[in-house]
N, C-alpha and C. Protein backbone atom coordinates (compact mmCIF):
# COMPACT_ATOMS: atom_id res chain seq x y z
N MET A 1 -86.78 -44.28 -15.76
CA MET A 1 -87.17 -44.51 -17.36
C MET A 1 -88.70 -43.93 -16.85
N MET A 2 -89.34 -44.90 -16.00
CA MET A 2 -91.07 -44.81 -15.72
C MET A 2 -90.87 -43.10 -15.12
N MET A 3 -90.31 -42.34 -14.69
CA MET A 3 -90.31 -41.19 -13.70
C MET A 3 -90.66 -40.29 -15.03
N ASN A 4 -89.47 -40.02 -15.66
CA ASN A 4 -89.65 -39.61 -17.00
C ASN A 4 -90.92 -39.64 -18.14
N TYR A 5 -91.62 -40.58 -18.18
CA TYR A 5 -92.59 -40.89 -18.80
C TYR A 5 -93.88 -40.33 -17.91
N SER A 6 -93.99 -40.34 -16.59
CA SER A 6 -95.14 -39.54 -15.90
C SER A 6 -94.77 -38.46 -15.88
N ARG A 7 -93.80 -37.57 -15.68
CA ARG A 7 -93.34 -36.30 -15.66
C ARG A 7 -94.01 -35.77 -17.27
N LEU A 8 -93.68 -36.43 -18.11
CA LEU A 8 -93.65 -36.25 -19.77
C LEU A 8 -95.59 -36.20 -19.57
N VAL A 9 -96.06 -36.80 -19.25
CA VAL A 9 -97.88 -36.82 -19.44
C VAL A 9 -97.73 -35.68 -18.58
N PHE A 10 -97.52 -35.87 -17.44
CA PHE A 10 -98.12 -34.43 -16.39
C PHE A 10 -98.01 -32.93 -17.36
N VAL A 11 -96.58 -32.87 -17.95
CA VAL A 11 -96.33 -31.42 -18.56
C VAL A 11 -97.46 -31.63 -19.73
N SER A 12 -97.69 -32.61 -20.41
CA SER A 12 -98.40 -32.24 -21.93
C SER A 12 -99.77 -32.16 -21.01
N VAL A 13 -100.15 -32.55 -19.75
CA VAL A 13 -102.01 -32.54 -19.30
C VAL A 13 -102.29 -31.30 -19.27
N LEU A 14 -100.65 -30.38 -18.45
CA LEU A 14 -100.80 -29.31 -18.17
C LEU A 14 -101.17 -28.34 -19.52
N LEU A 15 -100.21 -28.57 -20.08
CA LEU A 15 -100.10 -27.51 -21.04
C LEU A 15 -101.49 -27.63 -21.90
N THR A 16 -102.02 -28.78 -22.43
CA THR A 16 -103.11 -28.77 -22.93
C THR A 16 -104.41 -28.33 -22.14
N MET A 17 -104.31 -28.17 -20.73
CA MET A 17 -105.37 -27.31 -20.13
C MET A 17 -105.15 -25.93 -20.17
N MET A 18 -103.67 -25.78 -20.21
CA MET A 18 -103.49 -24.42 -20.42
C MET A 18 -104.12 -23.77 -22.19
N ILE A 19 -103.65 -24.44 -22.91
CA ILE A 19 -104.09 -23.98 -24.01
C ILE A 19 -105.73 -24.13 -24.10
N SER A 20 -106.25 -24.83 -23.79
CA SER A 20 -107.65 -25.08 -23.62
C SER A 20 -108.36 -23.65 -23.37
N LEU A 21 -107.71 -23.72 -22.05
CA LEU A 21 -108.10 -21.84 -21.29
C LEU A 21 -107.90 -20.91 -22.22
N LEU A 22 -106.95 -20.88 -23.04
CA LEU A 22 -107.17 -19.68 -23.79
C LEU A 22 -107.99 -19.91 -25.33
N VAL A 23 -107.82 -20.65 -25.67
CA VAL A 23 -108.61 -21.17 -26.67
C VAL A 23 -110.46 -21.05 -26.70
N PHE A 24 -111.10 -21.23 -25.63
CA PHE A 24 -112.03 -21.60 -25.19
C PHE A 24 -113.09 -20.60 -24.16
N ASN A 25 -111.99 -19.64 -23.67
CA ASN A 25 -112.14 -18.58 -22.53
C ASN A 25 -111.71 -17.14 -23.58
N PRO A 26 -112.49 -16.98 -24.55
CA PRO A 26 -111.58 -15.54 -25.10
C PRO A 26 -112.23 -14.52 -24.36
N VAL A 27 -111.25 -13.24 -24.21
CA VAL A 27 -111.80 -11.78 -23.60
C VAL A 27 -112.52 -11.48 -24.30
N GLU A 28 -114.04 -11.00 -23.58
CA GLU A 28 -114.80 -10.06 -24.13
C GLU A 28 -114.59 -8.37 -24.51
N ALA A 29 -114.47 -7.45 -25.50
CA ALA A 29 -114.38 -6.31 -25.23
C ALA A 29 -115.33 -5.53 -25.72
N ASP A 30 -116.40 -5.19 -24.65
CA ASP A 30 -117.61 -4.59 -24.77
C ASP A 30 -117.36 -3.53 -23.71
N VAL A 31 -118.12 -2.24 -23.85
CA VAL A 31 -118.15 -1.08 -23.33
C VAL A 31 -119.91 -0.35 -23.72
N VAL A 32 -120.09 0.63 -22.61
CA VAL A 32 -121.12 1.03 -22.81
C VAL A 32 -120.87 2.19 -23.30
N VAL A 33 -122.34 2.60 -24.31
CA VAL A 33 -122.05 3.82 -25.41
C VAL A 33 -123.52 4.32 -25.71
N ASN A 34 -123.34 5.66 -24.95
CA ASN A 34 -124.59 6.76 -25.19
C ASN A 34 -125.95 5.81 -24.28
N ASN A 35 -126.71 5.12 -24.76
CA ASN A 35 -127.78 5.01 -24.01
C ASN A 35 -127.71 3.50 -23.42
N GLY A 36 -126.78 3.08 -23.10
CA GLY A 36 -126.34 1.54 -22.09
C GLY A 36 -126.61 0.32 -23.01
N GLN A 37 -126.74 0.66 -24.35
CA GLN A 37 -126.09 -0.61 -25.07
C GLN A 37 -124.82 -0.93 -25.27
N HIS A 38 -124.83 -2.22 -25.03
CA HIS A 38 -123.17 -2.60 -25.58
C HIS A 38 -122.76 -2.45 -26.79
N ALA A 39 -121.60 -2.61 -27.58
CA ALA A 39 -121.13 -2.20 -28.70
C ALA A 39 -119.54 -2.65 -28.42
N SER A 40 -118.72 -2.51 -29.68
CA SER A 40 -117.50 -3.22 -29.70
C SER A 40 -116.64 -2.20 -29.51
N ILE A 41 -115.59 -2.57 -28.57
CA ILE A 41 -114.52 -1.24 -27.93
C ILE A 41 -113.70 -0.31 -29.27
N LEU A 42 -114.16 -1.27 -30.76
CA LEU A 42 -113.81 -0.89 -32.29
C LEU A 42 -114.71 0.64 -32.33
N ALA A 43 -116.31 0.03 -32.49
CA ALA A 43 -116.98 1.06 -32.67
C ALA A 43 -116.37 2.69 -32.16
N LYS A 44 -116.89 3.52 -32.52
CA LYS A 44 -116.74 4.87 -32.97
C LYS A 44 -118.00 5.45 -32.79
N ILE A 45 -117.99 6.62 -31.67
CA ILE A 45 -119.45 7.43 -31.77
C ILE A 45 -118.82 8.58 -32.40
N ASP A 46 -120.11 9.31 -32.99
CA ASP A 46 -120.01 10.49 -33.65
C ASP A 46 -119.81 11.44 -32.57
N CYS A 47 -118.69 11.81 -32.18
CA CYS A 47 -118.62 13.13 -31.41
C CYS A 47 -118.84 14.27 -31.60
N GLY A 48 -118.86 14.62 -32.73
CA GLY A 48 -119.19 16.01 -33.35
C GLY A 48 -120.83 16.33 -33.18
N GLY A 49 -121.26 15.36 -33.60
CA GLY A 49 -123.08 15.12 -33.98
C GLY A 49 -123.60 15.20 -32.01
N ALA A 50 -122.99 14.03 -31.32
CA ALA A 50 -123.22 14.08 -29.73
C ALA A 50 -123.05 15.56 -29.20
N CYS A 51 -122.00 16.12 -29.45
CA CYS A 51 -121.68 17.30 -28.66
C CYS A 51 -122.35 18.25 -29.10
N THR A 52 -122.57 18.66 -30.32
CA THR A 52 -123.67 19.33 -30.93
C THR A 52 -125.13 19.15 -30.19
N ALA A 53 -125.67 18.14 -30.37
CA ALA A 53 -126.92 18.04 -29.38
C ALA A 53 -126.48 18.74 -28.17
N ARG A 54 -125.18 18.10 -27.47
CA ARG A 54 -125.06 18.46 -25.86
C ARG A 54 -125.44 19.67 -25.72
N CYS A 55 -124.35 20.85 -26.36
CA CYS A 55 -124.01 21.86 -26.36
C CYS A 55 -124.99 23.07 -26.69
N ARG A 56 -126.15 22.58 -27.35
CA ARG A 56 -127.41 23.28 -28.69
C ARG A 56 -127.81 24.51 -27.29
N LEU A 57 -128.12 24.53 -26.25
CA LEU A 57 -128.40 25.38 -25.60
C LEU A 57 -127.65 26.07 -24.48
N SER A 58 -126.21 25.78 -24.84
CA SER A 58 -124.81 26.27 -23.97
C SER A 58 -124.83 28.16 -24.71
N SER A 59 -124.62 29.02 -23.56
CA SER A 59 -124.42 30.29 -23.89
C SER A 59 -122.93 30.53 -24.51
N ARG A 60 -122.18 29.54 -24.52
CA ARG A 60 -120.75 29.33 -24.84
C ARG A 60 -120.36 28.21 -25.81
N PRO A 61 -121.48 28.01 -26.61
CA PRO A 61 -121.23 26.95 -27.88
C PRO A 61 -119.90 26.34 -28.29
N HIS A 62 -118.92 26.83 -28.56
CA HIS A 62 -117.49 26.81 -28.83
C HIS A 62 -116.98 25.91 -27.64
N LEU A 63 -117.03 26.77 -26.78
CA LEU A 63 -116.23 26.19 -25.37
C LEU A 63 -117.13 24.71 -25.02
N CYS A 64 -118.05 24.86 -24.99
CA CYS A 64 -118.81 23.53 -24.73
C CYS A 64 -118.32 22.55 -25.13
N LYS A 65 -118.67 22.87 -27.02
CA LYS A 65 -118.20 21.31 -27.83
C LYS A 65 -116.80 21.19 -27.83
N ARG A 66 -115.65 22.11 -27.47
CA ARG A 66 -114.20 22.39 -27.15
C ARG A 66 -114.02 20.44 -26.04
N ALA A 67 -114.78 21.03 -25.01
CA ALA A 67 -114.55 20.51 -23.96
C ALA A 67 -115.36 18.97 -24.08
N CYS A 68 -116.44 19.22 -24.53
CA CYS A 68 -117.51 17.84 -24.51
C CYS A 68 -117.02 16.98 -25.61
N GLY A 69 -116.10 17.52 -26.69
CA GLY A 69 -115.18 16.53 -27.57
C GLY A 69 -114.10 15.64 -27.09
N THR A 70 -113.51 16.89 -26.07
CA THR A 70 -112.29 16.06 -25.71
C THR A 70 -112.91 15.03 -24.78
N CYS A 71 -113.81 15.36 -23.93
CA CYS A 71 -114.31 14.22 -22.94
C CYS A 71 -114.93 13.01 -23.55
N CYS A 72 -115.65 13.37 -24.84
CA CYS A 72 -116.13 12.20 -26.16
C CYS A 72 -115.07 11.25 -26.34
N GLN A 73 -113.87 11.89 -26.76
CA GLN A 73 -113.04 10.93 -26.90
C GLN A 73 -112.31 10.22 -26.07
N ARG A 74 -112.56 10.58 -24.86
CA ARG A 74 -111.64 9.79 -23.84
C ARG A 74 -112.60 8.51 -23.44
N CYS A 75 -113.80 9.10 -23.40
CA CYS A 75 -114.67 8.14 -22.78
C CYS A 75 -115.64 7.29 -23.59
N SER A 76 -115.59 7.77 -24.75
CA SER A 76 -116.63 7.40 -26.00
C SER A 76 -117.95 7.31 -26.02
N CYS A 77 -118.32 8.26 -25.32
CA CYS A 77 -119.73 8.65 -24.66
C CYS A 77 -120.20 10.18 -23.97
N VAL A 78 -121.67 10.49 -25.03
CA VAL A 78 -121.53 11.77 -24.27
C VAL A 78 -123.23 11.58 -23.94
N PRO A 79 -123.56 11.74 -22.67
CA PRO A 79 -125.00 11.81 -22.16
C PRO A 79 -125.87 12.34 -22.67
N PRO A 80 -127.23 11.96 -22.59
CA PRO A 80 -128.02 12.59 -23.66
C PRO A 80 -128.69 13.66 -22.90
N GLY A 81 -129.33 14.56 -23.84
CA GLY A 81 -129.81 16.20 -23.20
C GLY A 81 -128.98 16.89 -23.09
N THR A 82 -129.47 18.11 -22.94
CA THR A 82 -128.38 19.54 -22.83
C THR A 82 -127.83 19.29 -21.72
N ALA A 83 -128.18 18.54 -20.34
CA ALA A 83 -127.41 18.53 -19.05
C ALA A 83 -127.83 17.26 -18.68
N GLY A 84 -127.01 17.42 -17.41
CA GLY A 84 -127.22 15.99 -16.44
C GLY A 84 -127.05 14.86 -17.08
N ASN A 85 -127.80 13.63 -16.47
CA ASN A 85 -127.86 12.38 -17.20
C ASN A 85 -126.35 12.04 -17.05
N TYR A 86 -125.36 12.22 -16.01
CA TYR A 86 -124.43 11.55 -15.60
C TYR A 86 -124.10 10.34 -15.57
N ASP A 87 -125.03 9.76 -15.28
CA ASP A 87 -125.50 8.58 -14.38
C ASP A 87 -125.16 7.36 -15.77
N VAL A 88 -125.49 7.74 -16.88
CA VAL A 88 -125.63 6.95 -18.33
C VAL A 88 -124.07 6.77 -18.58
N CYS A 89 -123.34 8.10 -18.01
CA CYS A 89 -121.63 7.77 -18.85
C CYS A 89 -120.96 8.16 -17.54
N PRO A 90 -120.67 7.14 -16.78
CA PRO A 90 -119.71 7.61 -15.79
C PRO A 90 -118.48 7.88 -15.62
N CYS A 91 -117.81 7.48 -17.02
CA CYS A 91 -116.39 8.37 -17.44
C CYS A 91 -116.83 9.69 -17.88
N TYR A 92 -117.54 9.82 -17.87
CA TYR A 92 -117.88 11.20 -18.66
C TYR A 92 -118.30 12.35 -17.18
N ALA A 93 -118.64 12.28 -16.44
CA ALA A 93 -119.03 12.21 -14.84
C ALA A 93 -117.80 12.83 -14.11
N THR A 94 -116.74 11.71 -14.48
CA THR A 94 -115.55 11.64 -13.65
C THR A 94 -114.53 12.55 -13.87
N LEU A 95 -114.31 12.64 -15.18
CA LEU A 95 -113.33 13.79 -15.50
C LEU A 95 -113.26 15.37 -15.28
N THR A 96 -112.33 15.77 -14.48
CA THR A 96 -112.08 16.96 -13.88
C THR A 96 -110.79 17.85 -14.26
N THR A 97 -110.85 19.37 -13.72
CA THR A 97 -109.77 20.21 -14.89
C THR A 97 -108.93 19.98 -13.68
N HIS A 98 -107.54 20.51 -13.99
CA HIS A 98 -106.84 20.55 -12.64
C HIS A 98 -107.44 21.24 -11.44
N GLY A 99 -107.93 22.38 -11.48
CA GLY A 99 -108.87 23.09 -10.38
C GLY A 99 -109.86 21.93 -9.82
N GLY A 100 -109.95 21.08 -10.22
CA GLY A 100 -111.39 19.84 -9.48
C GLY A 100 -112.52 20.15 -9.60
N LYS A 101 -112.62 20.90 -10.76
CA LYS A 101 -114.08 21.15 -11.28
C LYS A 101 -114.69 20.11 -12.57
N ARG A 102 -115.99 19.97 -12.63
CA ARG A 102 -116.01 18.93 -13.67
C ARG A 102 -115.55 19.62 -14.91
N LYS A 103 -115.14 18.57 -15.88
CA LYS A 103 -114.48 19.38 -17.10
C LYS A 103 -115.76 18.90 -18.30
N CYS A 104 -116.36 17.86 -18.14
CA CYS A 104 -117.58 17.89 -19.12
C CYS A 104 -118.63 18.44 -19.06
N PRO A 105 -119.45 19.04 -19.82
CA PRO A 105 -120.68 19.97 -20.10
C PRO A 105 -121.75 18.87 -20.10
């Protein structure tokens, strides 16, 4: 009889600890967007506006905006300026075409 009681206490303590870990340690869902500020994963970036700014000096603006839009949708960020600054958005910098060339302008 005493064995069952101690086993019951052990299981209840174990369950209490597991539940407290779930309740008191919530998962944070943050991502870095545009200028390094943190935002909720649910926050949306204006890809159209960001890509228009990024591609404004491009010799092929429609192609640039299409590629930029695809990258923006996947990464939820677009580096500032018309070229470079890939360190601000590493995801944007690592996307490549099937040929291994950089996808994002």
